[in-house]
């Protein structure tokens, strides 16, 4: 048998209108019960319709039913009030500051458990029942309760945005596909979410790997701190024993040497701890980023996911742990110098002790940039074999020579449909991304080309500047033709001077943010150099002008 507390907690004696324990309970013909005053006020508001209805099941009554107090229910309510359980009922399922409140409840509102995209409202358990019981609500779509329902509705057509436009990178409704987004590349939002979810998981994997690597670096640096301190302590101890025999003669010198060691110890420990602090700060930032991505990965709101993902998915540059140069932590040279002094005569003691002041400087070098290549032989050390990706090639671009050569033709190529393909500009990307230091050479023939590096996220469909190499912030391009060169980025032109050559060398240092273009003949001539910060992996790209133009990745020798 149910206990009184469980009855209250289940809401059996709560009026669904005021959400309080019922006062003077009455039962209307459909079987639902309310406070007498609450149902009167509700029906008084419906008088203009001359038909009264039940607030829960929507059953209509004509004429207005006569309200009679439910004596049995009233006695039960009175007994519950005497047990002191009314306070428990008062707090049952009410919406707090962090909760979504029911849009139907009057007075103190209860927590909403579902939101309806058709009604554009959220409902508590009681007021949600008509959606389950009434035939009139059979086509309504219930979703996880949300305070951002309006963000899922198209402002132009007042329809739910279930479609994602890859061309404009935004969520739209089905009517938008027939209007503003007609002809654009569109997919269900759930499909796009699935693709982005895979990218998100890869980002998390990268972050977690970096966290693991840098935690290991922090441990290594901590060991270095301990080793430096231990070596310094031992050096101090040994030198104090040596100077004991000469204390009356060289007491001041002993103090100087001790101070030197301690000063050097403090300097080097400070440098290592500074590096350690930077790594710990980056770990903290990476963990924060991972937490944000994890939170984003479990949200059910596709729109919110797609709006927030681009700003969360990008990763900052990391300290290159492979370039950490561990400090010199041995102070034996100091001890050796002092030991030698002990064997010398007093007349040379003053001269010999000066050697302690020439102790090697301990350095901690972190990610010092490598010098840039100076000649072609230096560049060829970073030579990388590059091929074109057929899935990105415009249908007018024919690939040959093992996908190393691209030719602009009048005959469309039988490429299969692919989301990565350029649909307007005669462009094609490299298959693999470019990381670290890379060098490649391109041989071009014909009217002209644009040789580019670009983020893979560059738009592929449509005629806008967002899909053209050099006309947006995602790509950098050198235009080459028979008259000379131009450099393009963010749709801004920079004039470039240099000898016209059919072979162009491209050098990329992704970590250092360096991109350089060279005219290659018997010598290499720098045409243009970019210094920036690259935030994503890059791909090589080619844009061909006029039919018959070719561009080929050359196996540099």
Protein backbone atom coordinates (compact mmCIF):
# COMPACT_ATOMS: atom_id res chain seq x y z
CA UNK A 1 0.00 0.00 0.00
CA UNK A 2 1.32 3.43 -0.94
CA UNK A 3 2.59 5.61 1.87
CA UNK A 4 1.25 9.16 2.25
CA UNK A 5 4.64 10.64 1.41
CA UNK A 6 4.86 8.73 -1.87
CA UNK A 7 1.39 9.95 -2.83
CA UNK A 8 2.40 13.53 -2.29
CA UNK A 9 5.70 13.12 -4.08
CA UNK A 10 3.94 11.64 -7.10
CA UNK A 11 1.70 14.70 -7.30
CA UNK A 12 -1.61 12.81 -6.79
CA UNK A 13 -3.11 15.55 -4.64
CA UNK A 14 -1.69 18.57 -6.46
CA UNK A 15 -3.97 20.81 -8.44
CA UNK A 16 -2.50 20.96 -11.97
CA UNK A 17 -3.57 24.59 -12.26
CA UNK A 18 -2.02 26.14 -9.14
CA UNK A 19 0.42 23.27 -8.43
CA UNK A 20 -0.52 23.30 -4.74
CA UNK A 21 -2.32 20.77 -2.54
CA UNK A 22 -5.97 20.98 -3.62
CA UNK A 23 -8.30 23.18 -1.59
CA UNK A 24 -12.02 22.31 -1.66
CA UNK A 25 -11.33 19.65 -4.31
CA UNK A 26 -13.95 19.09 -7.00
CA UNK A 27 -14.08 16.42 -9.71
CA UNK A 28 -15.38 17.37 -13.16
CA UNK A 29 -17.19 14.91 -15.52
CA UNK A 30 -13.98 13.73 -17.25
CA UNK A 31 -12.64 12.52 -13.87
CA UNK A 32 -9.90 15.09 -13.27
CA UNK A 33 -9.86 17.03 -9.99
CA UNK A 34 -8.96 20.63 -9.17
CA UNK A 35 -9.28 23.26 -6.49
CA UNK A 36 -12.82 24.58 -6.74
CA UNK A 37 -11.62 28.16 -7.03
CA UNK A 38 -8.94 27.30 -9.63
CA UNK A 39 -11.34 25.57 -12.03
CA UNK A 40 -13.90 28.35 -11.62
CA UNK A 41 -11.32 30.98 -12.57
CA UNK A 42 -10.20 28.84 -15.50
CA UNK A 43 -13.73 28.43 -16.82
CA UNK A 44 -14.55 32.07 -16.25
CA UNK A 45 -11.73 32.85 -18.67
CA UNK A 46 -13.33 30.54 -21.25
CA UNK A 47 -16.81 32.07 -20.97
CA UNK A 48 -16.34 33.90 -24.24
CA UNK A 49 -16.32 30.51 -25.98
CA UNK A 50 -19.38 29.35 -24.02
CA UNK A 51 -17.75 25.91 -23.97
CA UNK A 52 -15.71 24.81 -20.97
CA UNK A 53 -12.84 22.33 -21.24
CA UNK A 54 -10.62 20.29 -18.94
CA UNK A 55 -7.14 21.92 -18.58
CA UNK A 56 -5.52 18.47 -18.75
CA UNK A 57 -7.36 16.31 -21.29
CA UNK A 58 -9.04 19.19 -23.22
CA UNK A 59 -12.45 17.45 -23.10
CA UNK A 60 -15.18 20.04 -23.66
CA UNK A 61 -18.43 20.45 -21.71
CA UNK A 62 -21.66 22.14 -22.73
CA UNK A 63 -23.35 23.37 -20.67
CA UNK A 64 -20.93 24.28 -17.88
CA UNK A 65 -20.88 21.46 -15.29
CA UNK A 66 -22.12 22.11 -11.78
CA UNK A 67 -19.19 21.91 -9.35
CA UNK A 68 -19.73 19.71 -6.29
CA UNK A 69 -17.12 19.24 -3.58
CA UNK A 70 -15.47 15.79 -3.64
CA UNK A 71 -15.92 14.85 0.01
CA UNK A 72 -13.70 11.75 -0.06
CA UNK A 73 -10.84 13.59 -1.76
CA UNK A 74 -11.25 16.54 0.58
CA UNK A 75 -10.93 14.25 3.62
CA UNK A 76 -7.79 12.65 2.19
CA UNK A 77 -6.25 16.06 1.56
CA UNK A 78 -7.15 17.13 5.08
CA UNK A 79 -5.45 14.02 6.49
CA UNK A 80 -2.33 14.73 4.47
CA UNK A 81 -2.16 18.28 5.75
CA UNK A 82 -2.41 17.02 9.30
CA UNK A 83 0.63 14.73 8.75
CA UNK A 84 2.75 17.74 7.90
CA UNK A 85 3.57 16.59 4.38
CA UNK A 86 2.33 19.68 2.63
CA UNK A 87 5.79 21.23 2.69
CA UNK A 88 7.16 18.26 0.79
CA UNK A 89 4.42 18.62 -1.81
CA UNK A 90 5.08 22.33 -2.16
CA UNK A 91 8.65 21.70 -3.30
CA UNK A 92 7.80 18.79 -5.55
CA UNK A 93 9.14 19.21 -9.10
CA UNK A 94 9.16 23.00 -9.02
CA UNK A 95 11.47 24.79 -11.42
CA UNK A 96 14.61 26.29 -9.92
CA UNK A 97 16.87 28.99 -11.37
CA UNK A 98 18.70 26.47 -13.56
CA UNK A 99 15.56 24.63 -14.74
CA UNK A 100 13.23 25.22 -17.66
CA UNK A 101 9.79 26.11 -16.34
CA UNK A 102 6.49 24.79 -17.70
CA UNK A 103 4.85 27.41 -19.94
CA UNK A 104 1.31 26.38 -18.91
CA UNK A 105 1.58 26.36 -15.12
CA UNK A 106 0.21 29.39 -13.33
CA UNK A 107 1.50 30.59 -10.01
CA UNK A 108 4.58 28.66 -8.98
CA UNK A 109 5.77 26.81 -12.08
CA UNK A 110 6.91 23.18 -12.25
CA UNK A 111 9.91 21.83 -14.11
CA UNK A 112 9.37 21.18 -17.79
CA UNK A 113 10.23 17.67 -18.97
CA UNK A 114 9.72 18.09 -22.71
CA UNK A 115 9.59 20.88 -25.28
CA UNK A 116 7.30 20.85 -28.33
CA UNK A 117 8.66 22.25 -31.59
CA UNK A 118 5.15 22.74 -32.96
CA UNK A 119 3.72 24.50 -29.90
CA UNK A 120 7.04 26.30 -29.26
CA UNK A 121 6.47 25.63 -25.58
CA UNK A 122 7.78 23.45 -22.73
CA UNK A 123 5.57 21.32 -20.48
CA UNK A 124 5.70 19.65 -17.09
CA UNK A 125 4.59 16.02 -16.72
CA UNK A 126 0.94 16.90 -16.10
CA UNK A 127 0.54 19.45 -18.88
CA UNK A 128 2.42 17.19 -21.27
CA UNK A 129 -0.25 14.49 -21.04
CA UNK A 130 -2.51 15.87 -23.83
CA UNK A 131 0.40 15.37 -26.25
CA UNK A 132 0.33 11.69 -25.38
CA UNK A 133 -3.42 11.20 -25.04
CA UNK A 134 -5.07 13.50 -27.57
CA UNK A 135 -5.32 12.70 -31.27
CA UNK A 136 -4.96 16.41 -32.03
CA UNK A 137 -1.31 16.35 -30.93
CA UNK A 138 -0.26 13.20 -32.79
CA UNK A 139 1.97 15.11 -35.26
CA UNK A 140 3.65 17.33 -32.69
CA UNK A 141 7.38 16.77 -32.19
CA UNK A 142 8.58 16.48 -28.60
CA UNK A 143 12.29 17.07 -27.93
CA UNK A 144 14.58 17.32 -24.95
CA UNK A 145 13.58 20.30 -22.86
CA UNK A 146 15.38 23.43 -24.04
CA UNK A 147 15.42 27.17 -23.45
CA UNK A 148 16.60 27.76 -27.02
CA UNK A 149 13.64 26.46 -29.02
CA UNK A 150 13.53 29.58 -31.17
CA UNK A 151 17.07 28.98 -32.38
CA UNK A 152 15.85 25.77 -34.03
CA UNK A 153 13.17 27.60 -36.00
CA UNK A 154 13.83 29.35 -39.31
CA UNK A 155 13.19 33.09 -38.91
CA UNK A 156 12.12 33.41 -42.56
CA UNK A 157 9.73 30.48 -42.91
CA UNK A 158 8.85 29.62 -39.31
CA UNK A 159 9.82 25.98 -39.87
CA UNK A 160 12.15 23.70 -37.95
CA UNK A 161 15.71 23.81 -39.31
CA UNK A 162 16.43 20.14 -40.05
CA UNK A 163 18.79 20.69 -42.99
CA UNK A 164 22.41 21.86 -43.14
CA UNK A 165 23.67 23.92 -46.09
CA UNK A 166 27.30 23.02 -46.71
CA UNK A 167 27.65 25.82 -49.23
CA UNK A 168 26.83 28.56 -46.70
CA UNK A 169 27.69 26.46 -43.62
CA UNK A 170 24.45 27.04 -41.71
CA UNK A 171 21.28 25.25 -40.64
CA UNK A 172 18.16 25.88 -42.74
CA UNK A 173 14.60 24.61 -43.13
CA UNK A 174 13.25 22.65 -46.10
CA UNK A 175 11.65 25.81 -47.56
CA UNK A 176 15.06 27.51 -47.65
CA UNK A 177 16.28 24.82 -50.08
CA UNK A 178 13.68 26.07 -52.55
CA UNK A 179 14.48 29.75 -52.02
CA UNK A 180 17.69 31.39 -50.80
CA UNK A 181 19.67 28.13 -50.82
CA UNK A 182 18.36 26.69 -54.06
CA UNK A 183 21.06 24.69 -55.83
CA UNK A 184 23.32 24.61 -52.78
CA UNK A 185 24.84 21.45 -51.37
CA UNK A 186 22.58 20.39 -48.50
CA UNK A 187 22.37 17.36 -46.20
CA UNK A 188 20.28 16.48 -43.14
CA UNK A 189 21.59 18.25 -40.06
CA UNK A 190 21.99 14.87 -38.36
CA UNK A 191 24.29 13.71 -41.17
CA UNK A 192 26.47 16.81 -40.91
CA UNK A 193 26.50 16.40 -37.15
CA UNK A 194 27.76 12.82 -37.55
CA UNK A 195 30.62 14.01 -39.78
CA UNK A 196 31.58 16.81 -37.42
CA UNK A 197 31.31 14.42 -34.48
CA UNK A 198 34.04 12.31 -36.06
CA UNK A 199 36.22 15.41 -36.40
CA UNK A 200 35.50 16.32 -32.81
CA UNK A 201 36.61 12.89 -31.62
CA UNK A 202 39.82 13.24 -33.60
CA UNK A 203 40.44 16.66 -32.04
CA UNK A 204 39.90 15.13 -28.59
CA UNK A 205 42.32 12.34 -29.44
CA UNK A 206 44.93 14.89 -30.47
CA UNK A 207 44.38 16.92 -27.32
CA UNK A 208 44.60 13.88 -25.08
CA UNK A 209 47.77 12.76 -26.84
CA UNK A 210 49.31 16.19 -26.36
CA UNK A 211 48.28 16.19 -22.70
CA UNK A 212 49.97 12.82 -22.21
CA UNK A 213 53.14 13.92 -24.00
CA UNK A 214 53.39 17.16 -22.10
CA UNK A 215 52.69 15.55 -18.75
CA UNK A 216 55.68 13.32 -19.48
CA UNK A 217 57.72 16.43 -20.33
CA UNK A 218 56.69 18.04 -17.06
CA UNK A 219 57.86 14.94 -15.17
CA UNK A 220 61.16 15.02 -17.05
CA UNK A 221 61.68 18.68 -16.24
CA UNK A 222 60.86 18.03 -12.59
CA UNK A 223 63.55 15.37 -12.55
CA UNK A 224 65.93 17.94 -14.03
CA UNK A 225 65.06 20.40 -11.27
CA UNK A 226 65.81 17.76 -8.66
CA UNK A 227 69.02 16.71 -10.42
CA UNK A 228 70.27 20.29 -10.70
CA UNK A 229 69.50 20.93 -7.05
CA UNK A 230 71.08 17.66 -5.96
CA UNK A 231 74.22 18.30 -7.98
CA UNK A 232 74.48 21.82 -6.64
CA UNK A 233 74.01 20.64 -3.07
CA UNK A 234 76.72 18.04 -3.50
CA UNK A 235 79.08 20.58 -5.02
CA UNK A 236 78.52 22.91 -2.08
CA UNK A 237 79.16 20.09 0.39
CA UNK A 238 82.42 18.98 -1.26
CA UNK A 239 83.79 22.46 -1.57
CA UNK A 240 83.05 23.27 2.04
CA UNK A 241 85.18 20.25 3.10
CA UNK A 242 88.07 21.42 0.92
CA UNK A 243 87.98 24.95 2.23
CA UNK A 244 87.99 23.74 5.83
CA UNK A 245 91.80 23.19 5.61
CA UNK A 246 92.30 26.67 4.20
CA UNK A 247 89.59 28.48 6.13
CA UNK A 248 91.87 31.05 7.71
CA UNK A 249 93.40 31.97 4.37
CA UNK A 250 90.55 31.69 1.92
CA UNK A 251 87.39 32.07 3.98
CA UNK A 252 86.20 34.92 1.81
CA UNK A 253 86.96 32.98 -1.38
CA UNK A 254 84.95 30.03 -0.08
CA UNK A 255 81.98 32.27 0.47
CA UNK A 256 82.30 33.66 -3.05
CA UNK A 257 82.37 30.20 -4.65
CA UNK A 258 79.39 29.07 -2.61
CA UNK A 259 77.48 32.16 -3.64
CA UNK A 260 78.37 31.53 -7.30
CA UNK A 261 77.05 27.98 -7.21
CA UNK A 262 73.85 28.99 -5.48
CA UNK A 263 73.32 31.84 -7.89
CA UNK A 264 73.84 29.53 -10.86
CA UNK A 265 71.53 26.96 -9.28
CA UNK A 266 68.81 29.57 -8.73
CA UNK A 267 69.16 30.87 -12.29
CA UNK A 268 68.93 27.47 -13.96
CA UNK A 269 66.19 26.13 -11.69
CA UNK A 270 64.24 29.30 -12.43
CA UNK A 271 64.62 28.75 -16.19
CA UNK A 272 63.53 25.14 -16.02
CA UNK A 273 60.59 25.94 -13.73
CA UNK A 274 59.50 28.68 -16.12
CA UNK A 275 59.38 26.11 -18.93
CA UNK A 276 57.61 23.68 -16.61
CA UNK A 277 55.04 26.36 -15.77
CA UNK A 278 54.38 27.03 -19.47
CA UNK A 279 53.76 23.35 -20.12
CA UNK A 280 51.44 23.07 -17.11
CA UNK A 281 49.50 26.10 -18.31
CA UNK A 282 49.12 24.54 -21.74
CA UNK A 283 47.97 21.27 -20.18
CA UNK A 284 45.33 23.19 -18.21
CA UNK A 285 44.16 24.92 -21.38
CA UNK A 286 44.06 21.63 -23.29
CA UNK A 287 41.99 20.00 -20.52
CA UNK A 288 39.59 22.95 -20.61
CA UNK A 289 39.31 22.63 -24.39
CA UNK A 290 38.76 18.87 -24.07
CA UNK A 291 35.99 19.46 -21.49
CA UNK A 292 34.26 21.95 -23.79
CA UNK A 293 34.45 19.55 -26.73
CA UNK A 294 33.16 16.69 -24.56
CA UNK A 295 30.23 18.82 -23.45
CA UNK A 296 29.57 19.82 -27.06
CA UNK A 297 29.80 16.20 -28.26
CA UNK A 298 26.88 15.05 -26.10
CA UNK A 299 24.48 17.87 -26.87
CA UNK A 300 21.42 16.76 -28.82
CA UNK A 301 20.88 20.16 -30.39
CA UNK A 302 22.41 19.95 -33.88
CA UNK A 303 22.10 23.69 -34.43
CA UNK A 304 23.88 24.56 -31.22
CA UNK A 305 26.56 21.96 -32.01
CA UNK A 306 27.23 23.29 -35.52
CA UNK A 307 27.26 26.91 -34.38
CA UNK A 308 29.74 26.31 -31.58
CA UNK A 309 31.94 23.62 -33.15
CA UNK A 310 34.12 25.82 -35.47
CA UNK A 311 35.18 28.13 -32.65
CA UNK A 312 35.96 25.16 -30.34
CA UNK A 313 37.64 22.77 -32.73
CA UNK A 314 40.73 24.90 -33.53
CA UNK A 315 43.93 24.05 -31.54
CA UNK A 316 46.70 26.48 -30.56
CA UNK A 317 50.37 25.87 -31.30
CA UNK A 318 52.15 23.66 -28.77
CA UNK A 319 55.63 23.74 -27.35
CA UNK A 320 57.67 21.25 -29.40
CA UNK A 321 58.79 18.78 -26.76
CA UNK A 322 61.21 17.14 -29.21
CA UNK A 323 63.28 20.33 -29.19
CA UNK A 324 63.61 20.69 -25.44
CA UNK A 325 67.31 20.85 -24.65
CA UNK A 326 67.93 19.61 -21.15
CA UNK A 327 70.20 21.77 -19.02
CA UNK A 328 73.72 21.01 -17.93
CA UNK A 329 73.38 20.00 -14.31
CA UNK A 330 76.93 18.98 -13.31
CA UNK A 331 79.03 21.22 -11.08
CA UNK A 332 82.10 18.93 -11.01
CA UNK A 333 84.28 21.49 -12.75
CA UNK A 334 83.91 23.81 -9.78
CA UNK A 335 84.93 21.09 -7.35
CA UNK A 336 87.88 20.10 -9.51
CA UNK A 337 89.12 23.65 -9.65
CA UNK A 338 88.89 24.03 -5.88
CA UNK A 339 90.60 20.68 -5.25
CA UNK A 340 93.47 21.75 -7.46
CA UNK A 341 93.84 24.95 -5.48
CA UNK A 342 94.30 22.98 -2.28
CA UNK A 343 97.52 21.53 -3.66
CA UNK A 344 98.98 24.82 -4.74
CA UNK A 345 101.05 27.22 -2.79
CA UNK A 346 99.63 30.29 -1.16
CA UNK A 347 101.30 32.61 -3.66
CA UNK A 348 99.28 31.13 -6.58
CA UNK A 349 96.04 30.51 -4.66
CA UNK A 350 94.60 33.88 -5.57
CA UNK A 351 95.27 33.34 -9.29
CA UNK A 352 93.89 29.79 -9.45
CA UNK A 353 90.63 30.54 -7.66
CA UNK A 354 89.61 32.77 -10.56
CA UNK A 355 88.81 29.63 -12.58
CA UNK A 356 85.68 29.16 -10.51
CA UNK A 357 84.30 32.30 -12.09
CA UNK A 358 84.47 30.87 -15.60
CA UNK A 359 82.04 28.03 -14.93
CA UNK A 360 80.05 27.08 -18.07
CA UNK A 361 76.69 28.83 -18.43
CA UNK A 362 73.77 26.42 -18.08
CA UNK A 363 71.15 27.00 -20.77
CA UNK A 364 67.67 25.71 -21.40
CA UNK A 365 66.72 26.09 -25.06
CA UNK A 366 63.09 25.51 -25.96
CA UNK A 367 61.95 25.25 -29.56
CA UNK A 368 64.65 27.47 -31.01
CA UNK A 369 63.73 28.03 -34.66
CA UNK A 370 65.87 26.25 -37.22
CA UNK A 371 67.64 28.47 -39.75
CA UNK A 372 65.86 28.78 -43.06
CA UNK A 373 67.39 26.97 -46.05
CA UNK A 374 69.87 29.11 -48.00
CA UNK A 375 70.24 27.24 -51.30
CA UNK A 376 68.44 24.63 -53.37
CA UNK A 377 70.35 21.75 -51.79
CA UNK A 378 69.13 22.93 -48.39
CA UNK A 379 65.54 23.12 -49.66
CA UNK A 380 65.70 19.65 -51.20
CA UNK A 381 66.34 18.21 -47.73
CA UNK A 382 62.67 18.97 -47.04
CA UNK A 383 61.41 17.82 -50.46
CA UNK A 384 58.04 16.09 -50.27
CA UNK A 385 56.32 13.96 -52.92
CA UNK A 386 52.85 15.43 -53.50
CA UNK A 387 49.93 14.08 -55.53
CA UNK A 388 46.53 15.54 -56.34
CA UNK A 389 43.32 14.30 -54.70
CA UNK A 390 40.84 13.25 -57.45
CA UNK A 391 37.93 13.80 -55.04
CA UNK A 392 38.70 17.54 -54.98
CA UNK A 393 39.32 18.11 -58.72
CA UNK A 394 36.84 20.17 -60.74
CA UNK A 395 35.28 18.08 -63.50
CA UNK A 396 37.18 20.11 -66.13
CA UNK A 397 40.53 19.14 -64.55
CA UNK A 398 42.12 15.93 -65.82
CA UNK A 399 44.73 14.19 -63.66
CA UNK A 400 47.60 12.07 -65.00
CA UNK A 401 51.17 10.96 -64.26
CA UNK A 402 50.07 9.15 -61.13
CA UNK A 403 47.89 12.15 -60.11
CA UNK A 404 50.93 14.44 -60.11
CA UNK A 405 49.85 16.39 -63.23
CA UNK A 406 46.66 18.47 -63.69
CA UNK A 407 45.39 19.63 -67.09
CA UNK A 408 42.43 21.92 -67.83
CA UNK A 409 40.33 20.27 -70.57
CA UNK A 410 37.13 21.02 -72.47
CA UNK A 411 35.88 17.50 -71.85
CA UNK A 412 34.34 16.88 -68.46
CA UNK A 413 35.91 14.07 -66.47
CA UNK A 414 33.72 11.18 -65.19
CA UNK A 415 34.46 11.86 -61.54
CA UNK A 416 31.87 10.54 -59.05
CA UNK A 417 29.95 13.05 -56.92
CA UNK A 418 31.88 14.00 -53.82
CA UNK A 419 31.39 16.65 -51.15
CA UNK A 420 35.08 17.71 -51.40
CA UNK A 421 34.95 18.54 -55.13
CA UNK A 422 35.28 22.14 -56.39
CA UNK A 423 32.13 22.85 -58.38
CA UNK A 424 32.86 26.26 -59.97
CA UNK A 425 36.55 27.16 -59.99
CA UNK A 426 38.98 24.94 -61.95
CA UNK A 427 40.92 23.97 -58.84
CA UNK A 428 42.32 20.83 -57.20
CA UNK A 429 43.98 20.07 -53.83
CA UNK A 430 46.79 17.75 -52.79
CA UNK A 431 45.78 14.44 -51.28
CA UNK A 432 47.84 14.65 -48.09
CA UNK A 433 48.15 17.52 -45.67
CA UNK A 434 51.43 19.40 -45.22
CA UNK A 435 52.98 19.52 -41.78
CA UNK A 436 56.34 20.59 -40.36
CA UNK A 437 58.84 21.74 -43.02
CA UNK A 438 57.97 20.91 -46.65
CA UNK A 439 59.38 21.87 -50.04
CA UNK A 440 57.93 21.10 -53.46
CA UNK A 441 58.28 22.35 -57.05
CA UNK A 442 55.58 22.86 -59.65
CA UNK A 443 56.17 22.97 -63.41
CA UNK A 444 53.43 24.92 -65.22
CA UNK A 445 52.64 25.50 -68.89
CA UNK A 446 49.95 27.51 -70.68
CA UNK A 447 48.20 30.82 -70.01
CA UNK A 448 48.69 30.87 -66.27
CA UNK A 449 48.02 29.26 -62.89
CA UNK A 450 47.57 30.06 -59.23
CA UNK A 451 49.76 27.97 -56.93
CA UNK A 452 48.29 27.91 -53.47
CA UNK A 453 48.38 26.51 -49.97
CA UNK A 454 45.04 26.34 -48.21
CA UNK A 455 43.19 24.94 -45.23
CA UNK A 456 41.14 21.88 -46.13
CA UNK A 457 38.07 23.64 -44.72
CA UNK A 458 37.95 26.02 -47.72
CA UNK A 459 34.50 26.06 -49.32
CA UNK A 460 34.16 23.83 -52.41
CA UNK A 461 30.78 24.74 -53.93
CA UNK A 462 29.49 28.01 -55.38
CA UNK A 463 30.93 31.08 -57.10
CA UNK A 464 31.72 33.11 -53.99
CA UNK A 465 35.23 34.23 -53.03
CA UNK A 466 35.13 31.74 -50.18
CA UNK A 467 35.95 28.91 -52.60
CA UNK A 468 38.60 30.68 -54.73
CA UNK A 469 42.32 30.36 -53.89
CA UNK A 470 43.70 33.65 -52.57
CA UNK A 471 40.34 35.40 -52.21
CA UNK A 472 39.68 34.47 -48.58
CA UNK A 473 41.43 34.05 -45.24
CA UNK A 474 41.80 30.28 -45.69
CA UNK A 475 44.22 30.33 -48.64
CA UNK A 476 47.45 31.97 -49.91
CA UNK A 477 48.14 31.94 -53.68
CA UNK A 478 50.84 33.04 -56.15
CA UNK A 479 49.43 33.86 -59.60
CA UNK A 480 51.87 33.00 -62.40
CA UNK A 481 51.46 33.98 -66.07
CA UNK A 482 53.67 34.98 -68.96
CA UNK A 483 53.97 38.61 -67.81
CA UNK A 484 54.92 38.03 -64.17
CA UNK A 485 53.54 37.28 -60.73
CA UNK A 486 50.90 38.42 -58.23
CA UNK A 487 50.35 37.27 -54.64
CA UNK A 488 46.77 36.96 -53.33
CA UNK A 489 45.39 36.56 -49.80
CA UNK A 490 42.03 37.72 -48.37
CA UNK A 491 41.21 38.97 -51.89
CA UNK A 492 44.08 41.47 -51.61
CA UNK A 493 46.67 41.76 -54.39
CA UNK A 494 50.41 42.24 -53.79
CA UNK A 495 52.59 42.86 -56.81
CA UNK A 496 55.58 40.52 -57.04
CA UNK A 497 58.77 41.13 -59.03
CA UNK A 498 61.18 38.47 -60.16
CA UNK A 499 62.35 36.45 -63.16
CA UNK A 500 59.51 34.67 -64.96
CA UNK A 501 60.02 30.92 -64.75
CA UNK A 502 57.92 27.88 -65.62
CA UNK A 503 59.08 26.20 -62.42
CA UNK A 504 58.10 27.51 -59.00
CA UNK A 505 59.49 26.24 -55.70
CA UNK A 506 57.33 26.46 -52.56
CA UNK A 507 58.74 26.22 -49.02
CA UNK A 508 56.43 25.83 -46.00
CA UNK A 509 57.40 25.83 -42.33
CA UNK A 510 54.01 25.20 -40.71
CA UNK A 511 55.15 25.58 -37.10
CA UNK A 512 57.12 28.79 -37.74
CA UNK A 513 54.32 30.20 -39.93
CA UNK A 514 56.59 30.73 -42.95
CA UNK A 515 55.47 30.37 -46.59
CA UNK A 516 57.89 31.27 -49.41
CA UNK A 517 57.65 31.13 -53.21
CA UNK A 518 60.76 30.91 -55.41
CA UNK A 519 61.47 31.22 -59.12
CA UNK A 520 63.57 28.15 -59.95
CA UNK A 521 65.99 28.06 -62.90
CA UNK A 522 69.76 27.79 -62.65
CA UNK A 523 69.39 29.71 -59.40
CA UNK A 524 66.57 30.24 -56.89
CA UNK A 525 65.08 33.72 -56.56
CA UNK A 526 62.73 34.57 -53.70
CA UNK A 527 59.47 35.97 -55.12
CA UNK A 528 57.33 36.40 -52.01
CA UNK A 529 57.52 35.44 -48.34
CA UNK A 530 54.65 35.21 -45.82
CA UNK A 531 55.07 35.27 -42.03
CA UNK A 532 51.85 34.36 -40.22
CA UNK A 533 50.34 31.80 -37.83
CA UNK A 534 48.81 28.69 -39.37
CA UNK A 535 46.01 27.26 -37.22
CA UNK A 536 45.09 24.19 -39.29
CA UNK A 537 46.85 21.61 -41.47
CA UNK A 538 47.51 22.90 -44.99
CA UNK A 539 47.16 21.40 -48.48
CA UNK A 540 48.84 22.39 -51.73
CA UNK A 541 46.45 23.61 -54.42
CA UNK A 542 46.41 24.58 -58.11
CA UNK A 543 43.98 26.81 -60.03
CA UNK A 544 44.31 26.46 -63.84
CA UNK A 545 43.53 29.27 -66.33
CA UNK A 546 42.31 28.49 -69.90
CA UNK A 547 42.09 25.14 -71.62
CA UNK A 548 45.35 23.30 -72.20
CA UNK A 549 47.08 24.79 -69.12
CA UNK A 550 48.97 22.21 -67.04
CA UNK A 551 50.62 22.09 -63.61
CA UNK A 552 52.75 19.18 -62.41
CA UNK A 553 54.37 18.37 -59.09
CA UNK A 554 57.99 17.69 -60.06
CA UNK A 555 60.15 15.10 -58.35
CA UNK A 556 62.85 17.57 -57.38
CA UNK A 557 66.44 16.36 -57.61
